[in-house]
Amino acid sequence: MPNLLLPVVGLPTTDEVWIRVAGMLALFLAFYDIQAVRSDLAAFFRWTVYVRSSVIIFMAVFVLLGQARPAIIVFGFIDLAGAIWTAFALKSSETTSSG
């Protein structure tokens, strides 16, 4: 399945295991996110805002170093948008619960 998406972002298809390991890590992170929601761990999501906001920087550096094509920056913008959305949702939740 990963080889369907890789060409869309300008990356070559691969039969190496690294792409599947990355998928596995993403699945594990999703599990943590789901468990954090179920346990109402707002602090966890505050931490993710900082990390997810940095993805755009890493993607841009990869492009500037010639290690990735510019299309990969789209993932950085998606994560940045999600981080901003999460930050606003947390702030809204704090405002609602405190007042």
Protein backbone atom coordinates (compact mmCIF):
# COMPACT_ATOMS: atom_id res chain seq x y z
CA MET A 1 0.00 0.00 0.00
CA PRO A 2 2.72 2.61 0.70
CA ASN A 3 3.82 2.52 -2.93
CA LEU A 4 0.49 4.04 -3.95
CA LEU A 5 1.18 7.21 -1.95
CA LEU A 6 4.94 7.63 -2.37
CA PRO A 7 4.84 8.78 -6.03
CA VAL A 8 2.14 11.32 -5.18
CA VAL A 9 4.66 13.20 -3.01
CA GLY A 10 7.51 12.70 -5.43
CA LEU A 11 9.19 9.81 -3.63
CA PRO A 12 10.29 6.63 -5.38
CA THR A 13 8.47 3.40 -4.65
CA THR A 14 10.33 0.92 -2.50
CA ASP A 15 10.33 -2.69 -1.44
CA GLU A 16 12.46 -1.90 1.60
CA VAL A 17 11.01 -2.42 5.05
CA TRP A 18 11.61 1.16 6.29
CA ILE A 19 8.31 2.46 4.89
CA ARG A 20 6.38 -0.27 6.68
CA VAL A 21 8.28 0.43 9.91
CA ALA A 22 7.27 4.09 9.58
CA GLY A 23 3.65 2.98 9.09
CA MET A 24 3.88 0.80 12.16
CA LEU A 25 5.21 3.73 14.21
CA ALA A 26 2.36 5.91 12.96
CA LEU A 27 -0.13 3.22 13.99
CA PHE A 28 1.43 3.05 17.47
CA LEU A 29 1.28 6.83 17.82
CA ALA A 30 -2.38 6.72 16.80
CA PHE A 31 -2.98 4.18 19.57
CA TYR A 32 -1.40 6.56 22.10
CA ASP A 33 -3.59 9.40 20.82
CA ILE A 34 -6.76 7.33 21.15
CA GLN A 35 -5.85 6.20 24.66
CA ALA A 36 -5.02 9.79 25.66
CA VAL A 37 -8.47 10.92 24.48
CA ARG A 38 -10.17 8.07 26.31
CA SER A 39 -8.28 9.00 29.49
CA ASP A 40 -8.90 12.74 29.06
CA LEU A 41 -5.17 13.55 29.08
CA ALA A 42 -5.27 17.12 27.80
CA ALA A 43 -1.62 17.62 28.76
CA PHE A 44 -0.61 15.01 26.18
CA PHE A 45 -2.30 16.99 23.42
CA ARG A 46 -0.67 20.22 24.57
CA TRP A 47 2.70 18.46 24.13
CA THR A 48 1.74 17.37 20.62
CA VAL A 49 1.07 20.96 19.56
CA TYR A 50 4.78 21.78 19.93
CA VAL A 51 6.03 18.65 18.22
CA ARG A 52 3.53 18.76 15.36
CA SER A 53 4.32 22.42 14.75
CA SER A 54 7.94 21.49 14.13
CA VAL A 55 7.16 19.00 11.34
CA ILE A 56 7.01 21.81 8.75
CA ILE A 57 10.55 22.85 9.70
CA PHE A 58 11.92 19.34 9.27
CA MET A 59 10.15 18.88 5.94
CA ALA A 60 11.51 22.20 4.68
CA VAL A 61 15.04 21.26 5.75
CA PHE A 62 14.75 17.91 3.96
CA VAL A 63 13.75 19.77 0.79
CA LEU A 64 16.49 22.40 1.16
CA LEU A 65 19.09 19.65 1.59
CA GLY A 66 17.84 17.94 -1.54
CA GLN A 67 16.71 14.86 0.35
CA ALA A 68 13.04 15.25 -0.61
CA ARG A 69 10.96 16.93 -3.25
CA PRO A 70 8.98 20.06 -2.39
CA ALA A 71 5.69 18.14 -2.48
CA ILE A 72 6.55 16.62 0.90
CA ILE A 73 6.10 20.04 2.51
CA VAL A 74 2.35 19.48 2.10
CA PHE A 75 2.55 16.99 4.98
CA GLY A 76 4.20 19.67 7.10
CA PHE A 77 1.38 22.12 6.38
CA ILE A 78 -1.22 19.46 7.20
CA ASP A 79 0.45 18.76 10.53
CA LEU A 80 0.84 22.47 11.26
CA ALA A 81 -2.86 23.01 10.55
CA GLY A 82 -3.73 20.11 12.84
CA ALA A 83 -1.50 21.49 15.58
CA ILE A 84 -3.13 24.91 15.34
CA TRP A 85 -6.57 23.30 15.40
CA THR A 86 -5.58 21.27 18.48
CA ALA A 87 -4.25 24.38 20.23
CA PHE A 88 -7.49 26.26 19.59
CA ALA A 89 -9.58 23.28 20.73
CA LEU A 90 -7.57 23.00 23.96
CA LYS A 91 -7.87 26.73 24.61
CA SER A 92 -11.61 26.60 23.93
CA SER A 93 -11.97 23.62 26.25
CA GLU A 94 -10.06 25.38 29.03
CA THR A 95 -12.20 28.50 28.62
CA THR A 96 -15.41 26.47 28.68
CA SER A 97 -14.44 24.40 31.72
CA SER A 98 -13.18 27.37 33.75
CA GLY A 99 -15.95 29.70 33.25
